[in-house]
């Protein structure tokens, strides 16, 4: 699995074990982590941007590529009108 050109704040809840790679891979059952999803394999991370966990929105807004992702997120314009969105 390849993760390329992404943005994330890597804020992982305290109950989730930290990994050597970014992001959270929570177990399927928080009460019994042994029943979890297991370790991911064959991960590749290139060209990603780690946003500060305390102010990810501000950091994303200051980065043109990250701001463009947010601006283009959500329903397509033709559906936005139908949903009463600007």
PDB file of N, CA and C in Angstrom:
ATOM      1  N   UNK A   1       0.842  -1.153   0.000  1.00  0.00           N
ATOM      2  CA  UNK A   1       0.000   0.000   0.000  1.00  0.00           C
ATOM      3  C   UNK A   1       0.896   1.227   0.000  1.00  0.00           C
ATOM      4  N   UNK A   2       0.591   2.174  -0.847  1.00  0.00           N
ATOM      5  CA  UNK A   2       1.405   3.379  -0.953  1.00  0.00           C
ATOM      6  C   UNK A   2       0.620   4.591  -0.488  1.00  0.00           C
ATOM      7  N   UNK A   3       1.281   5.413   0.310  1.00  0.00           N
ATOM      8  CA  UNK A   3       0.726   6.681   0.763  1.00  0.00           C
ATOM      9  C   UNK A   3       1.655   7.768   0.236  1.00  0.00           C
ATOM     10  N   UNK A   4       1.172   8.524  -0.724  1.00  0.00           N
ATOM     11  CA  UNK A   4       2.020   9.525  -1.367  1.00  0.00           C
ATOM     12  C   UNK A   4       1.251  10.836  -1.483  1.00  0.00           C
ATOM     13  N   UNK A   5       1.886  11.934  -1.054  1.00  0.00           N
ATOM     14  CA  UNK A   5       1.304  13.254  -1.185  1.00  0.00           C
ATOM     15  C   UNK A   5       0.114  13.521  -0.283  1.00  0.00           C
ATOM     16  N   UNK A   6       0.095  12.915   0.884  1.00  0.00           N
ATOM     17  CA  UNK A   6      -1.015  13.086   1.823  1.00  0.00           C
ATOM     18  C   UNK A   6      -0.665  14.094   2.914  1.00  0.00           C
ATOM     19  N   UNK A   7      -1.690  14.484   3.662  1.00  0.00           N
ATOM     20  CA  UNK A   7      -1.533  15.381   4.798  1.00  0.00           C
ATOM     21  C   UNK A   7      -2.220  14.741   5.992  1.00  0.00           C
ATOM     22  N   UNK A   8      -1.561  14.740   7.148  1.00  0.00           N
ATOM     23  CA  UNK A   8      -2.209  14.258   8.361  1.00  0.00           C
ATOM     24  C   UNK A   8      -1.514  14.838   9.574  1.00  0.00           C
ATOM     25  N   UNK A   9      -2.243  14.851  10.693  1.00  0.00           N
ATOM     26  CA  UNK A   9      -1.684  15.400  11.925  1.00  0.00           C
ATOM     27  C   UNK A   9      -1.117  14.305  12.828  1.00  0.00           C
ATOM     28  N   UNK A  10      -1.346  13.074  12.516  1.00  0.00           N
ATOM     29  CA  UNK A  10      -0.809  11.932  13.261  1.00  0.00           C
ATOM     30  C   UNK A  10      -1.197  11.972  14.733  1.00  0.00           C
ATOM     31  N   UNK A  11      -2.362  12.529  15.023  1.00  0.00           N
ATOM     32  CA  UNK A  11      -2.859  12.541  16.394  1.00  0.00           C
ATOM     33  C   UNK A  11      -3.489  11.181  16.677  1.00  0.00           C
ATOM     34  N   UNK A  12      -2.818  10.387  17.459  1.00  0.00           N
ATOM     35  CA  UNK A  12      -3.261   9.025  17.762  1.00  0.00           C
ATOM     36  C   UNK A  12      -3.778   8.992  19.191  1.00  0.00           C
ATOM     37  N   UNK A  13      -4.979   8.468  19.406  1.00  0.00           N
ATOM     38  CA  UNK A  13      -5.504   8.387  20.774  1.00  0.00           C
ATOM     39  C   UNK A  13      -4.556   7.607  21.679  1.00  0.00           C
ATOM     40  N   UNK A  14      -4.587   7.940  22.964  1.00  0.00           N
ATOM     41  CA  UNK A  14      -3.673   7.301  23.920  1.00  0.00           C
ATOM     42  C   UNK A  14      -3.855   5.797  23.998  1.00  0.00           C
ATOM     43  N   UNK A  15      -5.067   5.282  23.754  1.00  0.00           N
ATOM     44  CA  UNK A  15      -5.303   3.846  23.890  1.00  0.00           C
ATOM     45  C   UNK A  15      -4.803   3.045  22.696  1.00  0.00           C
ATOM     46  N   UNK A  16      -4.355   3.734  21.630  1.00  0.00           N
ATOM     47  CA  UNK A  16      -3.838   3.046  20.450  1.00  0.00           C
ATOM     48  C   UNK A  16      -2.316   3.026  20.525  1.00  0.00           C
ATOM     49  N   UNK A  17      -1.743   1.857  20.359  1.00  0.00           N
ATOM     50  CA  UNK A  17      -0.286   1.730  20.402  1.00  0.00           C
ATOM     51  C   UNK A  17       0.344   2.492  19.241  1.00  0.00           C
ATOM     52  N   UNK A  18       1.413   3.224  19.538  1.00  0.00           N
ATOM     53  CA  UNK A  18       2.148   3.955  18.497  1.00  0.00           C
ATOM     54  C   UNK A  18       2.887   2.958  17.614  1.00  0.00           C
ATOM     55  N   UNK A  19       2.995   3.283  16.364  1.00  0.00           N
ATOM     56  CA  UNK A  19       3.713   2.446  15.398  1.00  0.00           C
ATOM     57  C   UNK A  19       4.905   3.210  14.858  1.00  0.00           C
ATOM     58  N   UNK A  20       5.745   2.548  14.111  1.00  0.00           N
ATOM     59  CA  UNK A  20       6.895   3.225  13.519  1.00  0.00           C
ATOM     60  C   UNK A  20       6.509   3.985  12.255  1.00  0.00           C
ATOM     61  N   UNK A  21       5.287   3.829  11.794  1.00  0.00           N
ATOM     62  CA  UNK A  21       4.800   4.541  10.615  1.00  0.00           C
ATOM     63  C   UNK A  21       3.697   5.497  11.045  1.00  0.00           C
ATOM     64  N   UNK A  22       3.404   6.528  10.242  1.00  0.00           N
ATOM     65  CA  UNK A  22       2.393   7.512  10.630  1.00  0.00           C
ATOM     66  C   UNK A  22       0.988   6.940  10.638  1.00  0.00           C
ATOM     67  N   UNK A  23       0.140   7.598  11.387  1.00  0.00           N
ATOM     68  CA  UNK A  23      -1.264   7.225  11.415  1.00  0.00           C
ATOM     69  C   UNK A  23      -1.594   6.233  12.505  1.00  0.00           C
ATOM     70  N   UNK A  24      -2.860   6.023  12.687  1.00  0.00           N
ATOM     71  CA  UNK A  24      -3.334   5.105  13.713  1.00  0.00           C
ATOM     72  C   UNK A  24      -3.901   3.860  13.052  1.00  0.00           C
ATOM     73  N   UNK A  25      -3.559   2.734  13.574  1.00  0.00           N
ATOM     74  CA  UNK A  25      -4.093   1.458  13.109  1.00  0.00           C
ATOM     75  C   UNK A  25      -4.723   0.807  14.321  1.00  0.00           C
ATOM     76  N   UNK A  26      -5.922   1.246  14.682  1.00  0.00           N
ATOM     77  CA  UNK A  26      -6.518   0.751  15.926  1.00  0.00           C
ATOM     78  C   UNK A  26      -6.913  -0.715  15.843  1.00  0.00           C
ATOM     79  N   UNK A  27      -6.919  -1.344  16.996  1.00  0.00           N
ATOM     80  CA  UNK A  27      -7.400  -2.727  17.017  1.00  0.00           C
ATOM     81  C   UNK A  27      -8.906  -2.758  16.774  1.00  0.00           C
ATOM     82  N   UNK A  28      -9.395  -3.885  16.337  1.00  0.00           N
ATOM     83  CA  UNK A  28     -10.825  -4.030  16.083  1.00  0.00           C
ATOM     84  C   UNK A  28     -11.612  -3.969  17.389  1.00  0.00           C
ATOM     85  N   UNK A  29     -11.004  -4.390  18.484  1.00  0.00           N
ATOM     86  CA  UNK A  29     -11.688  -4.425  19.773  1.00  0.00           C
ATOM     87  C   UNK A  29     -10.786  -3.747  20.800  1.00  0.00           C
ATOM     88  N   UNK A  30     -11.160  -2.528  21.216  1.00  0.00           N
ATOM     89  CA  UNK A  30     -10.324  -1.762  22.140  1.00  0.00           C
ATOM     90  C   UNK A  30     -10.166  -2.467  23.485  1.00  0.00           C
ATOM     91  N   UNK A  31     -11.157  -3.267  23.902  1.00  0.00           N
ATOM     92  CA  UNK A  31     -11.091  -3.983  25.166  1.00  0.00           C
ATOM     93  C   UNK A  31     -10.109  -5.156  25.087  1.00  0.00           C
ATOM     94  N   UNK A  32      -9.917  -5.704  23.891  1.00  0.00           N
ATOM     95  CA  UNK A  32      -9.030  -6.839  23.720  1.00  0.00           C
ATOM     96  C   UNK A  32      -8.181  -6.628  22.465  1.00  0.00           C
ATOM     97  N   UNK A  33      -7.065  -5.893  22.587  1.00  0.00           N
ATOM     98  CA  UNK A  33      -6.233  -5.583  21.427  1.00  0.00           C
ATOM     99  C   UNK A  33      -5.702  -6.807  20.679  1.00  0.00           C
ATOM    100  N   UNK A  34      -5.680  -7.953  21.350  1.00  0.00           N
ATOM    101  CA  UNK A  34      -5.209  -9.170  20.684  1.00  0.00           C
ATOM    102  C   UNK A  34      -6.120  -9.542  19.515  1.00  0.00           C
ATOM    103  N   UNK A  35      -7.359  -9.071  19.529  1.00  0.00           N
ATOM    104  CA  UNK A  35      -8.307  -9.351  18.454  1.00  0.00           C
ATOM    105  C   UNK A  35      -8.273  -8.282  17.378  1.00  0.00           C
ATOM    106  N   UNK A  36      -7.205  -7.524  17.317  1.00  0.00           N
ATOM    107  CA  UNK A  36      -7.107  -6.385  16.412  1.00  0.00           C
ATOM    108  C   UNK A  36      -6.967  -6.762  14.952  1.00  0.00           C
ATOM    109  N   UNK A  37      -6.716  -5.754  14.160  1.00  0.00           N
ATOM    110  CA  UNK A  37      -6.620  -5.898  12.706  1.00  0.00           C
ATOM    111  C   UNK A  37      -5.290  -6.499  12.271  1.00  0.00           C
ATOM    112  N   UNK A  38      -4.319  -6.550  13.175  1.00  0.00           N
ATOM    113  CA  UNK A  38      -3.000  -7.043  12.807  1.00  0.00           C
ATOM    114  C   UNK A  38      -2.131  -5.934  12.256  1.00  0.00           C
ATOM    115  N   UNK A  39      -0.912  -6.255  11.984  1.00  0.00           N
ATOM    116  CA  UNK A  39       0.037  -5.277  11.463  1.00  0.00           C
ATOM    117  C   UNK A  39      -0.108  -5.144   9.949  1.00  0.00           C
ATOM    118  N   UNK A  40      -0.125  -3.919   9.442  1.00  0.00           N
ATOM    119  CA  UNK A  40      -0.138  -3.749   7.987  1.00  0.00           C
ATOM    120  C   UNK A  40       1.225  -4.135   7.408  1.00  0.00           C
ATOM    121  N   UNK A  41       1.224  -4.569   6.177  1.00  0.00           N
ATOM    122  CA  UNK A  41       2.461  -5.001   5.523  1.00  0.00           C
ATOM    123  C   UNK A  41       2.664  -4.229   4.236  1.00  0.00           C
ATOM    124  N   UNK A  42       3.913  -4.108   3.818  1.00  0.00           N
ATOM    125  CA  UNK A  42       4.283  -3.510   2.537  1.00  0.00           C
ATOM    126  C   UNK A  42       3.789  -2.074   2.404  1.00  0.00           C
ATOM    127  N   UNK A  43       4.020  -1.264   3.432  1.00  0.00           N
ATOM    128  CA  UNK A  43       3.631   0.140   3.383  1.00  0.00           C
ATOM    129  C   UNK A  43       4.766   0.965   2.799  1.00  0.00           C
ATOM    130  N   UNK A  44       4.417   1.963   2.012  1.00  0.00           N
ATOM    131  CA  UNK A  44       5.397   2.887   1.448  1.00  0.00           C
ATOM    132  C   UNK A  44       4.874   4.308   1.639  1.00  0.00           C
ATOM    133  N   UNK A  45       5.686   5.167   2.255  1.00  0.00           N
ATOM    134  CA  UNK A  45       5.317   6.553   2.504  1.00  0.00           C
ATOM    135  C   UNK A  45       6.303   7.456   1.777  1.00  0.00           C
ATOM    136  N   UNK A  46       5.801   8.305   0.866  1.00  0.00           N
ATOM    137  CA  UNK A  46       6.665   9.245   0.152  1.00  0.00           C
ATOM    138  C   UNK A  46       5.937  10.564  -0.047  1.00  0.00           C
ATOM    139  N   UNK A  47       6.661  11.649   0.124  1.00  0.00           N
ATOM    140  CA  UNK A  47       6.132  12.971  -0.167  1.00  0.00           C
ATOM    141  C   UNK A  47       4.921  13.388   0.649  1.00  0.00           C
ATOM    142  N   UNK A  48       4.784  12.878   1.852  1.00  0.00           N
ATOM    143  CA  UNK A  48       3.652  13.230   2.711  1.00  0.00           C
ATOM    144  C   UNK A  48       4.023  14.406   3.605  1.00  0.00           C
ATOM    145  N   UNK A  49       3.021  15.105   4.097  1.00  0.00           N
ATOM    146  CA  UNK A  49       3.241  16.250   4.970  1.00  0.00           C
ATOM    147  C   UNK A  49       2.594  15.983   6.320  1.00  0.00           C
ATOM    148  N   UNK A  50       3.403  16.031   7.360  1.00  0.00           N
ATOM    149  CA  UNK A  50       2.916  15.840   8.715  1.00  0.00           C
ATOM    150  C   UNK A  50       2.533  17.207   9.275  1.00  0.00           C
ATOM    151  N   UNK A  51       1.257  17.378   9.591  1.00  0.00           N
ATOM    152  CA  UNK A  51       0.762  18.626  10.153  1.00  0.00           C
ATOM    153  C   UNK A  51       0.902  18.580  11.671  1.00  0.00           C
ATOM    154  N   UNK A  52       1.141  19.719  12.319  1.00  0.00           N
ATOM    155  CA  UNK A  52       1.272  19.706  13.775  1.00  0.00           C
ATOM    156  C   UNK A  52      -0.062  19.326  14.428  1.00  0.00           C
ATOM    157  N   UNK A  53      -0.048  18.418  15.390  1.00  0.00           N
ATOM    158  CA  UNK A  53      -1.305  17.956  15.985  1.00  0.00           C
ATOM    159  C   UNK A  53      -2.055  19.039  16.764  1.00  0.00           C
ATOM    160  N   UNK A  54      -1.386  20.082  17.200  1.00  0.00           N
ATOM    161  CA  UNK A  54      -2.061  21.125  17.986  1.00  0.00           C
ATOM    162  C   UNK A  54      -2.833  22.115  17.115  1.00  0.00           C
ATOM    163  N   UNK A  55      -2.419  22.314  15.875  1.00  0.00           N
ATOM    164  CA  UNK A  55      -3.107  23.282  15.002  1.00  0.00           C
ATOM    165  C   UNK A  55      -3.080  22.800  13.554  1.00  0.00           C
ATOM    166  N   UNK A  56      -3.618  21.598  13.280  1.00  0.00           N
ATOM    167  CA  UNK A  56      -3.538  21.080  11.907  1.00  0.00           C
ATOM    168  C   UNK A  56      -4.324  21.921  10.905  1.00  0.00           C
ATOM    169  N   UNK A  57      -5.459  22.463  11.303  1.00  0.00           N
ATOM    170  CA  UNK A  57      -6.260  23.270  10.387  1.00  0.00           C
ATOM    171  C   UNK A  57      -5.534  24.515   9.929  1.00  0.00           C
ATOM    172  N   UNK A  58      -4.878  25.189  10.852  1.00  0.00           N
ATOM    173  CA  UNK A  58      -4.129  26.394  10.516  1.00  0.00           C
ATOM    174  C   UNK A  58      -2.950  26.057   9.598  1.00  0.00           C
ATOM    175  N   UNK A  59      -2.240  24.971   9.896  1.00  0.00           N
ATOM    176  CA  UNK A  59      -1.110  24.567   9.062  1.00  0.00           C
ATOM    177  C   UNK A  59      -1.578  24.158   7.670  1.00  0.00           C
ATOM    178  N   UNK A  60      -2.725  23.480   7.588  1.00  0.00           N
ATOM    179  CA  UNK A  60      -3.259  23.067   6.294  1.00  0.00           C
ATOM    180  C   UNK A  60      -3.671  24.284   5.479  1.00  0.00           C
ATOM    181  N   UNK A  61      -4.311  25.255   6.114  1.00  0.00           N
ATOM    182  CA  UNK A  61      -4.739  26.466   5.403  1.00  0.00           C
ATOM    183  C   UNK A  61      -3.545  27.241   4.861  1.00  0.00           C
ATOM    184  N   UNK A  62      -2.395  27.154   5.534  1.00  0.00           N
ATOM    185  CA  UNK A  62      -1.195  27.862   5.100  1.00  0.00           C
ATOM    186  C   UNK A  62      -0.460  27.140   3.971  1.00  0.00           C
ATOM    187  N   UNK A  63      -0.816  25.896   3.720  1.00  0.00           N
ATOM    188  CA  UNK A  63      -0.165  25.101   2.673  1.00  0.00           C
ATOM    189  C   UNK A  63      -1.108  25.048   1.469  1.00  0.00           C
ATOM    190  N   UNK A  64      -0.747  25.630   0.317  1.00  0.00           N
ATOM    191  CA  UNK A  64      -1.662  25.676  -0.827  1.00  0.00           C
ATOM    192  C   UNK A  64      -2.177  24.305  -1.275  1.00  0.00           C
ATOM    193  N   UNK A  65      -1.338  23.285  -1.266  1.00  0.00           N
ATOM    194  CA  UNK A  65      -1.774  21.958  -1.710  1.00  0.00           C
ATOM    195  C   UNK A  65      -2.791  21.366  -0.732  1.00  0.00           C
ATOM    196  N   UNK A  66      -2.550  21.531   0.549  1.00  0.00           N
ATOM    197  CA  UNK A  66      -3.476  21.015   1.563  1.00  0.00           C
ATOM    198  C   UNK A  66      -4.789  21.795   1.517  1.00  0.00           C
ATOM    199  N   UNK A  67      -4.700  23.109   1.382  1.00  0.00           N
ATOM    200  CA  UNK A  67      -5.904  23.937   1.302  1.00  0.00           C
ATOM    201  C   UNK A  67      -6.745  23.562   0.079  1.00  0.00           C
ATOM    202  N   UNK A  68      -6.090  23.197  -1.026  1.00  0.00           N
ATOM    203  CA  UNK A  68      -6.813  22.791  -2.237  1.00  0.00           C
ATOM    204  C   UNK A  68      -7.572  21.486  -2.008  1.00  0.00           C
ATOM    205  N   UNK A  69      -6.986  20.564  -1.259  1.00  0.00           N
ATOM    206  CA  UNK A  69      -7.680  19.311  -0.941  1.00  0.00           C
ATOM    207  C   UNK A  69      -8.969  19.611  -0.193  1.00  0.00           C
ATOM    208  N   UNK A  70      -8.886  20.472   0.799  1.00  0.00           N
ATOM    209  CA  UNK A  70     -10.077  20.823   1.581  1.00  0.00           C
ATOM    210  C   UNK A  70     -11.107  21.557   0.737  1.00  0.00           C
ATOM    211  N   UNK A  71     -10.624  22.461  -0.123  1.00  0.00           N
ATOM    212  CA  UNK A  71     -11.546  23.235  -0.953  1.00  0.00           C
ATOM    213  C   UNK A  71     -12.303  22.347  -1.937  1.00  0.00           C
ATOM    214  N   UNK A  72     -11.673  21.272  -2.377  1.00  0.00           N
ATOM    215  CA  UNK A  72     -12.294  20.386  -3.362  1.00  0.00           C
ATOM    216  C   UNK A  72     -12.971  19.172  -2.739  1.00  0.00           C
ATOM    217  N   UNK A  73     -12.962  19.083  -1.418  1.00  0.00           N
ATOM    218  CA  UNK A  73     -13.584  17.945  -0.742  1.00  0.00           C
ATOM    219  C   UNK A  73     -15.101  18.103  -0.716  1.00  0.00           C
ATOM    220  N   UNK A  74     -15.769  16.988  -0.603  1.00  0.00           N
ATOM    221  CA  UNK A  74     -17.225  17.014  -0.483  1.00  0.00           C
ATOM    222  C   UNK A  74     -17.906  16.688  -1.792  1.00  0.00           C
ATOM    223  N   UNK A  75     -19.212  16.890  -1.833  1.00  0.00           N
ATOM    224  CA  UNK A  75     -19.984  16.557  -3.039  1.00  0.00           C
ATOM    225  C   UNK A  75     -19.584  17.414  -4.238  1.00  0.00           C
ATOM    226  N   UNK A  76     -19.791  16.878  -5.430  1.00  0.00           N
ATOM    227  CA  UNK A  76     -19.553  17.641  -6.656  1.00  0.00           C
ATOM    228  C   UNK A  76     -20.489  18.841  -6.690  1.00  0.00           C
ATOM    229  N   UNK A  77     -20.097  19.921  -7.402  1.00  0.00           N
ATOM    230  CA  UNK A  77     -20.931  21.117  -7.447  1.00  0.00           C
ATOM    231  C   UNK A  77     -22.390  20.854  -7.831  1.00  0.00           C
ATOM    232  N   UNK A  78     -22.643  19.952  -8.760  1.00  0.00           N
ATOM    233  CA  UNK A  78     -24.021  19.690  -9.171  1.00  0.00           C
ATOM    234  C   UNK A  78     -24.851  19.104  -8.026  1.00  0.00           C
ATOM    235  N   UNK A  79     -24.213  18.359  -7.141  1.00  0.00           N
ATOM    236  CA  UNK A  79     -24.916  17.788  -5.999  1.00  0.00           C
ATOM    237  C   UNK A  79     -24.993  18.768  -4.830  1.00  0.00           C
ATOM    238  N   UNK A  80     -23.992  19.634  -4.717  1.00  0.00           N
ATOM    239  CA  UNK A  80     -23.995  20.611  -3.628  1.00  0.00           C
ATOM    240  C   UNK A  80     -25.253  21.467  -3.682  1.00  0.00           C
ATOM    241  N   UNK A  81     -25.619  21.907  -4.872  1.00  0.00           N
ATOM    242  CA  UNK A  81     -26.823  22.745  -5.032  1.00  0.00           C
ATOM    243  C   UNK A  81     -28.065  21.972  -4.584  1.00  0.00           C
ATOM    244  N   UNK A  82     -28.150  20.719  -4.970  1.00  0.00           N
ATOM    245  CA  UNK A  82     -29.307  19.897  -4.594  1.00  0.00           C
ATOM    246  C   UNK A  82     -29.409  19.689  -3.081  1.00  0.00           C
ATOM    247  N   UNK A  83     -28.260  19.726  -2.420  1.00  0.00           N
ATOM    248  CA  UNK A  83     -28.239  19.529  -0.977  1.00  0.00           C
ATOM    249  C   UNK A  83     -28.349  20.843  -0.202  1.00  0.00           C
ATOM    250  N   UNK A  84     -28.517  21.948  -0.938  1.00  0.00           N
ATOM    251  CA  UNK A  84     -28.631  23.255  -0.293  1.00  0.00           C
ATOM    252  C   UNK A  84     -27.321  23.794   0.225  1.00  0.00           C
ATOM    253  N   UNK A  85     -26.211  23.321  -0.369  1.00  0.00           N
ATOM    254  CA  UNK A  85     -24.882  23.773   0.052  1.00  0.00           C
ATOM    255  C   UNK A  85     -24.414  24.859  -0.896  1.00  0.00           C
ATOM    256  N   UNK A  86     -23.590  25.790  -0.405  1.00  0.00           N
ATOM    257  CA  UNK A  86     -23.073  26.863  -1.295  1.00  0.00           C
ATOM    258  C   UNK A  86     -22.082  26.334  -2.309  1.00  0.00           C
TER     259      UNK A  86
END
